[in-house]
Amino acid sequence: MIERQETAQRMSKIVKHNGTVYLCGQVGSGDTVTEQTQDCLARVDALLNQAGSSRDQILQAIIWVADMADFAEMNAVWDAWVPAGHAPARACGEAKLARPELKVEVIVTAAYA
């Protein structure tokens, strides 16, 4: 069974299937990479909670940064956020994001009970 939450015409914010939760890409508010990453990860936390999961159940994360020069700044926030011993499989690349002011987007897949 597939369960979709917060579904609109274009996408669902959460899709659950066979013990796995898929989140749509999350972006954050703020002027700096640090602020946007913190806000983005807070949004991930909220969606994981809504789906019955948590950050220690993340299986994979895909992170897009608008400029790889911001990689270290984004990683400082990420490293503080990920629970010790629960780092997911992760990829990070540079991409032109949907709006010019966006600096970071995070896509998460997690397990749920």
Protein backbone atom coordinates (compact mmCIF):
# COMPACT_ATOMS: atom_id res chain seq x y z
CA MET A 1 0.00 0.00 0.00
CA ILE A 2 1.22 3.49 -0.84
CA GLU A 3 0.27 6.35 1.47
CA ARG A 4 0.66 9.95 0.32
CA GLN A 5 0.48 12.95 2.65
CA GLU A 6 0.14 16.63 1.79
CA THR A 7 -0.54 15.80 -1.83
CA ALA A 8 -1.04 18.47 -4.46
CA GLN A 9 -1.18 18.31 -8.25
CA ARG A 10 2.61 18.40 -8.66
CA MET A 11 3.87 16.34 -5.73
CA SER A 12 3.32 14.87 -2.28
CA LYS A 13 5.46 16.11 0.60
CA ILE A 14 5.53 12.58 2.07
CA VAL A 15 5.14 9.19 0.41
CA LYS A 16 5.20 6.02 2.54
CA HIS A 17 5.59 2.51 1.18
CA ASN A 18 6.79 -0.79 2.70
CA GLY A 19 8.45 0.74 5.76
CA THR A 20 10.15 3.52 3.79
CA VAL A 21 9.27 7.21 3.78
CA TYR A 22 10.26 9.48 0.90
CA LEU A 23 10.27 13.23 1.41
CA CYS A 24 10.06 15.81 -1.33
CA GLY A 25 13.03 18.16 -1.58
CA GLN A 26 13.21 20.68 1.25
CA VAL A 27 14.61 24.19 1.07
CA GLY A 28 14.94 26.74 3.83
CA SER A 29 14.58 30.43 4.50
CA GLY A 30 17.36 32.84 5.33
CA ASP A 31 20.13 34.82 3.70
CA THR A 32 23.08 32.53 4.44
CA VAL A 33 23.87 28.91 3.71
CA THR A 34 23.89 28.25 7.46
CA GLU A 35 20.42 29.77 7.97
CA GLN A 36 18.94 28.00 4.95
CA THR A 37 20.45 24.65 5.94
CA GLN A 38 19.21 24.95 9.54
CA ASP A 39 15.70 25.84 8.38
CA CYS A 40 15.70 23.14 5.73
CA LEU A 41 16.72 20.46 8.25
CA ALA A 42 14.06 21.69 10.70
CA ARG A 43 11.51 21.13 7.91
CA VAL A 44 12.93 17.64 7.34
CA ASP A 45 12.56 16.93 11.08
CA ALA A 46 8.92 18.07 11.01
CA LEU A 47 8.05 15.92 7.98
CA LEU A 48 9.85 12.88 9.40
CA ASN A 49 7.93 13.30 12.66
CA GLN A 50 4.65 13.61 10.73
CA ALA A 51 5.54 10.38 8.87
CA GLY A 52 6.34 8.48 12.09
CA SER A 53 10.10 8.56 11.52
CA SER A 54 13.08 10.55 12.76
CA ARG A 55 16.54 11.69 11.73
CA ASP A 56 18.16 8.57 13.22
CA GLN A 57 16.16 6.50 10.72
CA ILE A 58 17.36 8.34 7.60
CA LEU A 59 18.62 5.87 5.03
CA GLN A 60 19.79 8.27 2.33
CA ALA A 61 20.15 12.00 1.81
CA ILE A 62 20.77 13.85 -1.43
CA ILE A 63 21.91 17.43 -1.00
CA TRP A 64 22.10 20.06 -3.70
CA VAL A 65 24.02 23.27 -3.12
CA ALA A 66 23.84 26.16 -5.55
CA ASP A 67 27.60 26.72 -5.21
CA MET A 68 30.14 24.13 -4.06
CA ALA A 69 32.03 26.99 -2.42
CA ASP A 70 29.33 26.66 0.28
CA PHE A 71 30.00 22.94 0.84
CA ALA A 72 31.94 23.37 4.11
CA GLU A 73 29.39 25.80 5.57
CA MET A 74 26.50 23.46 4.76
CA ASN A 75 28.45 20.47 6.16
CA ALA A 76 29.04 22.26 9.48
CA VAL A 77 25.25 22.46 9.99
CA TRP A 78 24.66 18.94 8.64
CA ASP A 79 27.33 17.37 10.88
CA ALA A 80 25.82 18.98 14.00
CA TRP A 81 22.33 17.78 12.99
CA VAL A 82 23.01 14.12 12.17
CA PRO A 83 22.85 11.90 15.28
CA ALA A 84 26.18 10.25 16.13
CA GLY A 85 26.34 6.76 14.71
CA HIS A 86 23.35 7.32 12.40
CA ALA A 87 24.90 9.00 9.36
CA PRO A 88 22.92 8.02 6.25
CA ALA A 89 24.27 7.22 2.81
CA ARG A 90 24.67 10.66 1.26
CA ALA A 91 25.46 12.44 -1.96
CA CYS A 92 26.04 16.14 -2.47
CA GLY A 93 26.37 18.04 -5.71
CA GLU A 94 26.09 21.48 -7.21
CA ALA A 95 22.90 22.39 -9.04
CA LYS A 96 20.97 25.42 -10.16
CA LEU A 97 18.02 25.45 -7.75
CA ALA A 98 14.42 26.51 -8.45
CA ARG A 99 14.86 30.13 -7.34
CA PRO A 100 18.04 32.23 -7.41
CA GLU A 101 17.93 32.98 -3.67
CA LEU A 102 18.00 29.27 -2.75
CA LYS A 103 21.36 27.91 -1.65
CA VAL A 104 20.57 24.38 -0.38
CA GLU A 105 18.02 21.63 -1.04
CA VAL A 106 17.85 18.33 0.85
CA ILE A 107 16.03 15.18 -0.28
CA VAL A 108 15.61 12.42 2.34
CA THR A 109 14.57 8.77 2.34
CA ALA A 110 14.05 7.14 5.75
CA ALA A 111 12.68 4.07 7.45
CA TYR A 112 9.59 4.26 9.66
CA ALA A 113 8.00 1.87 12.13
